[in-house]
Amino acid sequence: MTLEARHLEEQLRQVERDLVELEEQVAVGEIDTATADRLRNNYLRERDRLGGDLADSAAGDAVDRPLITGRRLAGAAVLMLAAAGLAFGVTRAVGGNGSGLEGVASDVAQQGGVDLSSVSDEEMEAVVAANPDIVPMRLALADRYFNEGDFTDALRHYLVVLEDKGVEDPGALANVGWMSYLSNQPEVALSFVQRSLEIQPDGGMAFWYLANIEYYGLGDAAAAVEPLNKLLAYDNLPADLRTAAEQLLGEVEAAP
């Protein structure tokens, strides 16, 4: 079995596990119906796509490294999201000066920082549109889209920060790198993630991105060893991500 097929099969198994876990969470009331519906739809789309890619691989279209064109994140279906508590958190504290802001933006202004988990995408979009210079709010919205697997909208906001605003945010750089990798552009992905780590050497999930880009994207097993060891050095690494990193480390160390 090729590297592509093994990688696709593992992702497919993970999505199936996440679907089961989602239904268990719904049953005990841990997730509301709207959130469950959104996640379920994401998982089902991802499962269908992975199944199609796996069928193509079995038909003889496989290459020596995984075919990643069009791959999407689906909530927590990809293990990297388990490490949200590392250097690049999925929720950013947002501050603002309150000038001309309403609704959530006025809360930001009054409190100097709010939990955005209860704020809708539409509300955040409206605030960002009305206040384009509030970079942390835009980054928080981009992070949310990224974690939901909405790469089109995530990239739109990340690029405003990186290009229009000229802010080299390490989390944005790393996430754009990951999306580039998932779009089958490993060389571009490598440059973004490497720049992220230059700015923030204690890079959290950037190490996971880098290891996957080097091994699966560029076929360089040796280059994947160091970032995996750095990732595994975190004491607070979630168990599922630690397991995945250990498995990948074993694979790259055994690679010819």
C-alpha atoms as a PDB file:
ATOM      1  CA  MET A   1       0.000   0.000   0.000  1.00  0.00           C
ATOM      2  CA  THR A   2       1.366   3.435  -0.920  1.00  0.00           C
ATOM      3  CA  LEU A   3       1.911   6.293   1.513  1.00  0.00           C
ATOM      4  CA  GLU A   4      -1.060   8.002  -0.083  1.00  0.00           C
ATOM      5  CA  ALA A   5      -3.419   5.111   0.548  1.00  0.00           C
ATOM      6  CA  ARG A   6      -2.272   4.666   4.166  1.00  0.00           C
ATOM      7  CA  HIS A   7      -2.681   8.365   4.842  1.00  0.00           C
ATOM      8  CA  LEU A   8      -6.138   8.459   3.275  1.00  0.00           C
ATOM      9  CA  GLU A   9      -7.258   5.370   5.170  1.00  0.00           C
ATOM     10  CA  GLU A  10      -6.144   6.823   8.502  1.00  0.00           C
ATOM     11  CA  GLN A  11      -7.964  10.091   7.805  1.00  0.00           C
ATOM     12  CA  LEU A  12     -11.079   8.158   6.795  1.00  0.00           C
ATOM     13  CA  ARG A  13     -10.960   6.116  10.020  1.00  0.00           C
ATOM     14  CA  GLN A  14     -10.564   9.321  12.023  1.00  0.00           C
ATOM     15  CA  VAL A  15     -13.617  10.901  10.395  1.00  0.00           C
ATOM     16  CA  GLU A  16     -15.654   7.779  11.139  1.00  0.00           C
ATOM     17  CA  ARG A  17     -14.548   7.935  14.787  1.00  0.00           C
ATOM     18  CA  ASP A  18     -15.472  11.606  14.964  1.00  0.00           C
ATOM     19  CA  LEU A  19     -18.942  10.897  13.585  1.00  0.00           C
ATOM     20  CA  VAL A  20     -19.525   8.318  16.304  1.00  0.00           C
ATOM     21  CA  GLU A  21     -18.188  10.648  18.986  1.00  0.00           C
ATOM     22  CA  LEU A  22     -20.382  13.489  17.708  1.00  0.00           C
ATOM     23  CA  GLU A  23     -23.535  11.399  18.072  1.00  0.00           C
ATOM     24  CA  GLU A  24     -22.478  10.446  21.603  1.00  0.00           C
ATOM     25  CA  GLN A  25     -21.991  14.135  22.464  1.00  0.00           C
ATOM     26  CA  VAL A  26     -25.394  14.987  21.033  1.00  0.00           C
ATOM     27  CA  ALA A  27     -27.000  12.203  23.048  1.00  0.00           C
ATOM     28  CA  VAL A  28     -25.696  13.568  26.353  1.00  0.00           C
ATOM     29  CA  GLY A  29     -26.405  17.194  25.471  1.00  0.00           C
ATOM     30  CA  GLU A  30     -22.801  18.364  25.149  1.00  0.00           C
ATOM     31  CA  ILE A  31     -23.388  19.927  21.706  1.00  0.00           C
ATOM     32  CA  ASP A  32     -26.377  21.950  20.543  1.00  0.00           C
ATOM     33  CA  THR A  33     -28.339  20.921  17.469  1.00  0.00           C
ATOM     34  CA  ALA A  34     -27.072  23.680  15.177  1.00  0.00           C
ATOM     35  CA  THR A  35     -23.437  22.961  15.968  1.00  0.00           C
ATOM     36  CA  ALA A  36     -24.004  19.222  15.623  1.00  0.00           C
ATOM     37  CA  ASP A  37     -25.634  19.664  12.225  1.00  0.00           C
ATOM     38  CA  ARG A  38     -22.765  21.788  10.968  1.00  0.00           C
ATOM     39  CA  LEU A  39     -20.107  19.373  12.198  1.00  0.00           C
ATOM     40  CA  ARG A  40     -22.008  16.333  10.916  1.00  0.00           C
ATOM     41  CA  ASN A  41     -22.286  17.862   7.452  1.00  0.00           C
ATOM     42  CA  ASN A  42     -18.571  18.691   7.460  1.00  0.00           C
ATOM     43  CA  TYR A  43     -17.664  15.154   8.516  1.00  0.00           C
ATOM     44  CA  LEU A  44     -19.924  13.569   5.902  1.00  0.00           C
ATOM     45  CA  ARG A  45     -18.495  15.740   3.132  1.00  0.00           C
ATOM     46  CA  GLU A  46     -14.980  14.899   4.273  1.00  0.00           C
ATOM     47  CA  ARG A  47     -15.810  11.196   4.421  1.00  0.00           C
ATOM     48  CA  ASP A  48     -17.196  11.250   0.891  1.00  0.00           C
ATOM     49  CA  ARG A  49     -14.173  13.105  -0.429  1.00  0.00           C
ATOM     50  CA  LEU A  50     -11.690  10.826   1.295  1.00  0.00           C
ATOM     51  CA  GLY A  51     -13.551   7.769   0.036  1.00  0.00           C
ATOM     52  CA  GLY A  52     -13.324   9.092  -3.507  1.00  0.00           C
ATOM     53  CA  ASP A  53      -9.621   9.829  -3.182  1.00  0.00           C
ATOM     54  CA  LEU A  54      -9.014   6.366  -1.761  1.00  0.00           C
ATOM     55  CA  ALA A  55     -10.891   4.771  -4.642  1.00  0.00           C
ATOM     56  CA  ASP A  56      -8.794   6.759  -7.114  1.00  0.00           C
ATOM     57  CA  SER A  57      -5.660   5.587  -5.360  1.00  0.00           C
ATOM     58  CA  ALA A  58      -6.754   1.955  -5.507  1.00  0.00           C
ATOM     59  CA  ALA A  59      -7.489   2.355  -9.217  1.00  0.00           C
ATOM     60  CA  GLY A  60      -3.841   3.099  -9.835  1.00  0.00           C
ATOM     61  CA  ASP A  61      -3.714   6.861  -9.714  1.00  0.00           C
ATOM     62  CA  ALA A  62      -1.546   6.909  -6.596  1.00  0.00           C
ATOM     63  CA  VAL A  63       1.822   8.624  -6.430  1.00  0.00           C
ATOM     64  CA  ASP A  64       4.645   8.266  -3.965  1.00  0.00           C
ATOM     65  CA  ARG A  65       3.262  10.953  -1.719  1.00  0.00           C
ATOM     66  CA  PRO A  66      -0.319  11.624  -0.642  1.00  0.00           C
ATOM     67  CA  LEU A  67      -2.630  13.395  -3.038  1.00  0.00           C
ATOM     68  CA  ILE A  68      -3.887  16.327  -1.018  1.00  0.00           C
ATOM     69  CA  THR A  69      -5.650  18.543  -3.538  1.00  0.00           C
ATOM     70  CA  GLY A  70      -8.881  19.848  -2.075  1.00  0.00           C
ATOM     71  CA  ARG A  71      -8.451  18.236   1.333  1.00  0.00           C
ATOM     72  CA  ARG A  72     -10.400  20.123   3.979  1.00  0.00           C
ATOM     73  CA  LEU A  73     -10.449  20.244   7.709  1.00  0.00           C
ATOM     74  CA  ALA A  74     -13.758  19.210   9.249  1.00  0.00           C
ATOM     75  CA  GLY A  75     -13.951  20.556  12.793  1.00  0.00           C
ATOM     76  CA  ALA A  76     -12.032  18.222  15.056  1.00  0.00           C
ATOM     77  CA  ALA A  77     -11.733  15.485  12.454  1.00  0.00           C
ATOM     78  CA  VAL A  78      -8.082  16.303  11.879  1.00  0.00           C
ATOM     79  CA  LEU A  79      -5.825  15.647  14.848  1.00  0.00           C
ATOM     80  CA  MET A  80      -4.041  18.968  14.640  1.00  0.00           C
ATOM     81  CA  LEU A  81      -7.084  20.723  16.110  1.00  0.00           C
ATOM     82  CA  ALA A  82      -6.636  18.739  19.310  1.00  0.00           C
ATOM     83  CA  ALA A  83      -3.652  20.946  20.080  1.00  0.00           C
ATOM     84  CA  ALA A  84      -5.547  24.219  20.122  1.00  0.00           C
ATOM     85  CA  GLY A  85      -4.021  24.994  23.515  1.00  0.00           C
ATOM     86  CA  LEU A  86      -0.503  25.088  22.137  1.00  0.00           C
ATOM     87  CA  ALA A  87       1.220  28.209  20.894  1.00  0.00           C
ATOM     88  CA  PHE A  88      -1.451  29.079  18.342  1.00  0.00           C
ATOM     89  CA  GLY A  89      -4.761  28.933  20.206  1.00  0.00           C
ATOM     90  CA  VAL A  90      -8.025  28.698  18.332  1.00  0.00           C
ATOM     91  CA  THR A  91      -9.529  31.586  20.297  1.00  0.00           C
ATOM     92  CA  ARG A  92      -7.843  34.968  20.374  1.00  0.00           C
ATOM     93  CA  ALA A  93      -8.450  37.625  22.996  1.00  0.00           C
ATOM     94  CA  VAL A  94      -9.646  40.680  21.113  1.00  0.00           C
ATOM     95  CA  GLY A  95      -9.210  44.265  22.198  1.00  0.00           C
ATOM     96  CA  GLY A  96     -10.339  47.513  20.615  1.00  0.00           C
ATOM     97  CA  ASN A  97     -10.827  51.218  21.253  1.00  0.00           C
ATOM     98  CA  GLY A  98     -14.576  51.190  20.702  1.00  0.00           C
ATOM     99  CA  SER A  99     -14.679  54.087  18.287  1.00  0.00           C
ATOM    100  CA  GLY A 100     -17.960  53.812  16.409  1.00  0.00           C
ATOM    101  CA  LEU A 101     -18.461  50.180  17.367  1.00  0.00           C
ATOM    102  CA  GLU A 102     -21.756  48.558  18.228  1.00  0.00           C
ATOM    103  CA  GLY A 103     -22.865  45.212  19.625  1.00  0.00           C
ATOM    104  CA  VAL A 104     -19.979  42.867  20.177  1.00  0.00           C
ATOM    105  CA  ALA A 105     -17.465  45.530  19.240  1.00  0.00           C
ATOM    106  CA  SER A 106     -18.666  47.784  22.047  1.00  0.00           C
ATOM    107  CA  ASP A 107     -18.221  44.877  24.444  1.00  0.00           C
ATOM    108  CA  VAL A 108     -14.686  44.536  23.199  1.00  0.00           C
ATOM    109  CA  ALA A 109     -14.116  48.215  23.781  1.00  0.00           C
ATOM    110  CA  GLN A 110     -15.576  48.185  27.282  1.00  0.00           C
ATOM    111  CA  GLN A 111     -13.932  44.989  28.480  1.00  0.00           C
ATOM    112  CA  GLY A 112     -10.658  45.122  26.556  1.00  0.00           C
ATOM    113  CA  GLY A 113     -11.129  41.503  25.582  1.00  0.00           C
ATOM    114  CA  VAL A 114     -14.051  39.136  25.204  1.00  0.00           C
ATOM    115  CA  ASP A 115     -14.735  35.486  24.609  1.00  0.00           C
ATOM    116  CA  LEU A 116     -15.942  35.360  21.028  1.00  0.00           C
ATOM    117  CA  SER A 117     -17.416  31.863  21.235  1.00  0.00           C
ATOM    118  CA  SER A 118     -20.947  33.234  21.562  1.00  0.00           C
ATOM    119  CA  VAL A 119     -20.559  35.708  18.693  1.00  0.00           C
ATOM    120  CA  SER A 120     -21.822  34.604  15.282  1.00  0.00           C
ATOM    121  CA  ASP A 121     -19.746  34.654  12.117  1.00  0.00           C
ATOM    122  CA  GLU A 122     -22.104  37.247  10.683  1.00  0.00           C
ATOM    123  CA  GLU A 123     -21.653  39.558  13.659  1.00  0.00           C
ATOM    124  CA  MET A 124     -17.900  39.267  13.468  1.00  0.00           C
ATOM    125  CA  GLU A 125     -17.934  39.859   9.711  1.00  0.00           C
ATOM    126  CA  ALA A 126     -19.962  43.016  10.257  1.00  0.00           C
ATOM    127  CA  VAL A 127     -17.577  44.311  12.895  1.00  0.00           C
ATOM    128  CA  VAL A 128     -14.524  43.529  10.775  1.00  0.00           C
ATOM    129  CA  ALA A 129     -16.077  45.223   7.747  1.00  0.00           C
ATOM    130  CA  ALA A 130     -16.886  48.327   9.770  1.00  0.00           C
ATOM    131  CA  ASN A 131     -13.499  48.358  11.512  1.00  0.00           C
ATOM    132  CA  PRO A 132     -10.950  46.901   9.084  1.00  0.00           C
ATOM    133  CA  ASP A 133      -7.948  47.991  11.152  1.00  0.00           C
ATOM    134  CA  ILE A 134      -8.831  45.809  14.164  1.00  0.00           C
ATOM    135  CA  VAL A 135      -6.457  43.018  13.223  1.00  0.00           C
ATOM    136  CA  PRO A 136      -7.096  40.766  16.267  1.00  0.00           C
ATOM    137  CA  MET A 137     -10.805  40.579  15.453  1.00  0.00           C
ATOM    138  CA  ARG A 138     -10.047  39.673  11.858  1.00  0.00           C
ATOM    139  CA  LEU A 139      -7.571  37.015  12.988  1.00  0.00           C
ATOM    140  CA  ALA A 140     -10.112  35.576  15.411  1.00  0.00           C
ATOM    141  CA  LEU A 141     -12.632  35.307  12.589  1.00  0.00           C
ATOM    142  CA  ALA A 142     -10.057  33.751  10.249  1.00  0.00           C
ATOM    143  CA  ASP A 143      -9.109  31.232  12.954  1.00  0.00           C
ATOM    144  CA  ARG A 144     -12.758  30.283  13.359  1.00  0.00           C
ATOM    145  CA  TYR A 145     -13.212  29.705   9.644  1.00  0.00           C
ATOM    146  CA  PHE A 146      -9.981  27.705   9.547  1.00  0.00           C
ATOM    147  CA  ASN A 147     -11.086  25.450  12.396  1.00  0.00           C
ATOM    148  CA  GLU A 148     -14.459  24.907  10.709  1.00  0.00           C
ATOM    149  CA  GLY A 149     -12.732  23.884   7.485  1.00  0.00           C
ATOM    150  CA  ASP A 150     -13.937  26.966   5.608  1.00  0.00           C
ATOM    151  CA  PHE A 151     -10.606  27.617   3.951  1.00  0.00           C
ATOM    152  CA  THR A 152     -11.885  30.114   1.397  1.00  0.00           C
ATOM    153  CA  ASP A 153     -13.047  32.588   4.024  1.00  0.00           C
ATOM    154  CA  ALA A 154     -10.124  31.841   6.334  1.00  0.00           C
ATOM    155  CA  LEU A 155      -7.614  32.568   3.586  1.00  0.00           C
ATOM    156  CA  ARG A 156      -9.446  35.744   2.627  1.00  0.00           C
ATOM    157  CA  HIS A 157      -8.975  37.220   6.089  1.00  0.00           C
ATOM    158  CA  TYR A 158      -5.494  35.840   6.709  1.00  0.00           C
ATOM    159  CA  LEU A 159      -4.240  37.419   3.496  1.00  0.00           C
ATOM    160  CA  VAL A 160      -5.676  40.804   4.455  1.00  0.00           C
ATOM    161  CA  VAL A 161      -3.624  40.624   7.654  1.00  0.00           C
ATOM    162  CA  LEU A 162      -0.455  39.323   6.009  1.00  0.00           C
ATOM    163  CA  GLU A 163      -0.549  41.330   2.782  1.00  0.00           C
ATOM    164  CA  ASP A 164      -2.754  44.390   3.160  1.00  0.00           C
ATOM    165  CA  LYS A 165      -1.893  45.074   6.808  1.00  0.00           C
ATOM    166  CA  GLY A 166       1.663  43.770   6.605  1.00  0.00           C
ATOM    167  CA  VAL A 167       1.332  41.951   9.941  1.00  0.00           C
ATOM    168  CA  GLU A 168       3.418  38.767  10.074  1.00  0.00           C
ATOM    169  CA  ASP A 169       1.288  36.916  12.572  1.00  0.00           C
ATOM    170  CA  PRO A 170       2.913  33.502  13.192  1.00  0.00           C
ATOM    171  CA  GLY A 171      -0.402  31.690  13.592  1.00  0.00           C
ATOM    172  CA  ALA A 172      -1.735  33.135  10.348  1.00  0.00           C
ATOM    173  CA  LEU A 173       1.473  32.229   8.535  1.00  0.00           C
ATOM    174  CA  ALA A 174       1.360  28.669   9.852  1.00  0.00           C
ATOM    175  CA  ASN A 175      -2.292  28.187   8.967  1.00  0.00           C
ATOM    176  CA  VAL A 176      -1.841  29.603   5.469  1.00  0.00           C
ATOM    177  CA  GLY A 177       1.056  27.203   5.114  1.00  0.00           C
ATOM    178  CA  TRP A 178      -1.146  24.283   6.138  1.00  0.00           C
ATOM    179  CA  MET A 179      -3.863  25.303   3.691  1.00  0.00           C
ATOM    180  CA  SER A 180      -1.242  25.574   0.954  1.00  0.00           C
ATOM    181  CA  TYR A 181      -0.112  22.045   1.759  1.00  0.00           C
ATOM    182  CA  LEU A 182      -3.686  20.784   1.604  1.00  0.00           C
ATOM    183  CA  SER A 183      -3.972  22.465  -1.803  1.00  0.00           C
ATOM    184  CA  ASN A 184      -1.027  20.396  -3.049  1.00  0.00           C
ATOM    185  CA  GLN A 185       1.482  23.246  -2.896  1.00  0.00           C
ATOM    186  CA  PRO A 186       4.093  21.845  -0.484  1.00  0.00           C
ATOM    187  CA  GLU A 187       6.886  24.213  -1.510  1.00  0.00           C
ATOM    188  CA  VAL A 188       4.686  27.250  -0.855  1.00  0.00           C
ATOM    189  CA  ALA A 189       3.485  25.661   2.377  1.00  0.00           C
ATOM    190  CA  LEU A 190       7.052  25.133   3.548  1.00  0.00           C
ATOM    191  CA  SER A 191       7.960  28.783   3.097  1.00  0.00           C
ATOM    192  CA  PHE A 192       4.974  29.984   5.149  1.00  0.00           C
ATOM    193  CA  VAL A 193       5.537  27.545   8.009  1.00  0.00           C
ATOM    194  CA  GLN A 194       9.274  28.171   8.120  1.00  0.00           C
ATOM    195  CA  ARG A 195       8.632  31.915   8.338  1.00  0.00           C
ATOM    196  CA  SER A 196       6.152  31.302  11.141  1.00  0.00           C
ATOM    197  CA  LEU A 197       8.798  29.395  13.083  1.00  0.00           C
ATOM    198  CA  GLU A 198      11.381  32.110  12.476  1.00  0.00           C
ATOM    199  CA  ILE A 199       9.047  34.564  14.198  1.00  0.00           C
ATOM    200  CA  GLN A 200       7.879  32.169  16.907  1.00  0.00           C
ATOM    201  CA  PRO A 201      10.421  29.364  17.360  1.00  0.00           C
ATOM    202  CA  ASP A 202       8.269  27.747  20.055  1.00  0.00           C
ATOM    203  CA  GLY A 203       5.819  27.062  17.282  1.00  0.00           C
ATOM    204  CA  GLY A 204       3.235  24.659  18.662  1.00  0.00           C
ATOM    205  CA  MET A 205       1.192  23.275  15.799  1.00  0.00           C
ATOM    206  CA  ALA A 206       3.651  24.652  13.248  1.00  0.00           C
ATOM    207  CA  PHE A 207       5.855  21.666  14.107  1.00  0.00           C
ATOM    208  CA  TRP A 208       3.038  19.276  13.179  1.00  0.00           C
ATOM    209  CA  TYR A 209       2.452  21.155   9.944  1.00  0.00           C
ATOM    210  CA  LEU A 210       6.147  21.167   9.115  1.00  0.00           C
ATOM    211  CA  ALA A 211       6.569  17.436   9.711  1.00  0.00           C
ATOM    212  CA  ASN A 212       3.637  16.580   7.440  1.00  0.00           C
ATOM    213  CA  ILE A 213       4.781  18.992   4.744  1.00  0.00           C
ATOM    214  CA  GLU A 214       8.315  17.604   4.770  1.00  0.00           C
ATOM    215  CA  TYR A 215       7.310  13.946   4.784  1.00  0.00           C
ATOM    216  CA  TYR A 216       4.036  13.686   2.907  1.00  0.00           C
ATOM    217  CA  GLY A 217       4.369  16.826   0.806  1.00  0.00           C
ATOM    218  CA  LEU A 218       8.059  16.782  -0.128  1.00  0.00           C
ATOM    219  CA  GLY A 219       8.984  13.167   0.562  1.00  0.00           C
ATOM    220  CA  ASP A 220      11.794  14.108   2.978  1.00  0.00           C
ATOM    221  CA  ALA A 221      11.519  11.731   5.932  1.00  0.00           C
ATOM    222  CA  ALA A 222      14.718  12.933   7.601  1.00  0.00           C
ATOM    223  CA  ALA A 223      13.510  16.538   7.685  1.00  0.00           C
ATOM    224  CA  ALA A 224      10.332  15.491   9.500  1.00  0.00           C
ATOM    225  CA  VAL A 225      12.150  14.023  12.508  1.00  0.00           C
ATOM    226  CA  GLU A 226      13.182  17.250  14.239  1.00  0.00           C
ATOM    227  CA  PRO A 227       9.780  19.006  14.170  1.00  0.00           C
ATOM    228  CA  LEU A 228       8.103  15.851  15.447  1.00  0.00           C
ATOM    229  CA  ASN A 229      10.552  15.595  18.344  1.00  0.00           C
ATOM    230  CA  LYS A 230       9.940  19.255  19.174  1.00  0.00           C
ATOM    231  CA  LEU A 231       6.189  18.683  19.108  1.00  0.00           C
ATOM    232  CA  LEU A 232       6.473  15.635  21.349  1.00  0.00           C
ATOM    233  CA  ALA A 233       8.496  17.670  23.866  1.00  0.00           C
ATOM    234  CA  TYR A 234       5.333  19.556  24.888  1.00  0.00           C
ATOM    235  CA  ASP A 235       4.078  18.400  28.264  1.00  0.00           C
ATOM    236  CA  ASN A 236       0.523  19.541  27.461  1.00  0.00           C
ATOM    237  CA  LEU A 237       0.256  17.759  24.113  1.00  0.00           C
ATOM    238  CA  PRO A 238      -3.208  16.153  23.851  1.00  0.00           C
ATOM    239  CA  ALA A 239      -3.123  12.365  23.941  1.00  0.00           C
ATOM    240  CA  ASP A 240      -4.541  11.801  20.463  1.00  0.00           C
ATOM    241  CA  LEU A 241      -2.082  14.189  18.862  1.00  0.00           C
ATOM    242  CA  ARG A 242       0.799  12.666  20.821  1.00  0.00           C
ATOM    243  CA  THR A 243      -0.211   9.239  19.543  1.00  0.00           C
ATOM    244  CA  ALA A 244      -0.399  10.505  15.964  1.00  0.00           C
ATOM    245  CA  ALA A 245       2.970  12.244  16.268  1.00  0.00           C
ATOM    246  CA  GLU A 246       4.597   9.149  17.750  1.00  0.00           C
ATOM    247  CA  GLN A 247       3.188   6.999  14.961  1.00  0.00           C
ATOM    248  CA  LEU A 248       4.397   9.423  12.313  1.00  0.00           C
ATOM    249  CA  LEU A 249       7.812   9.618  13.951  1.00  0.00           C
ATOM    250  CA  GLY A 250       8.092   5.844  13.868  1.00  0.00           C
ATOM    251  CA  GLU A 251       7.119   5.867  10.200  1.00  0.00           C
ATOM    252  CA  VAL A 252       9.603   8.540   9.163  1.00  0.00           C
ATOM    253  CA  GLU A 253      12.418   6.957  11.158  1.00  0.00           C
ATOM    254  CA  ALA A 254      11.767   3.646   9.408  1.00  0.00           C
ATOM    255  CA  ALA A 255      11.533   5.212   5.959  1.00  0.00           C
ATOM    256  CA  PRO A 256      14.352   4.365   3.530  1.00  0.00           C
END
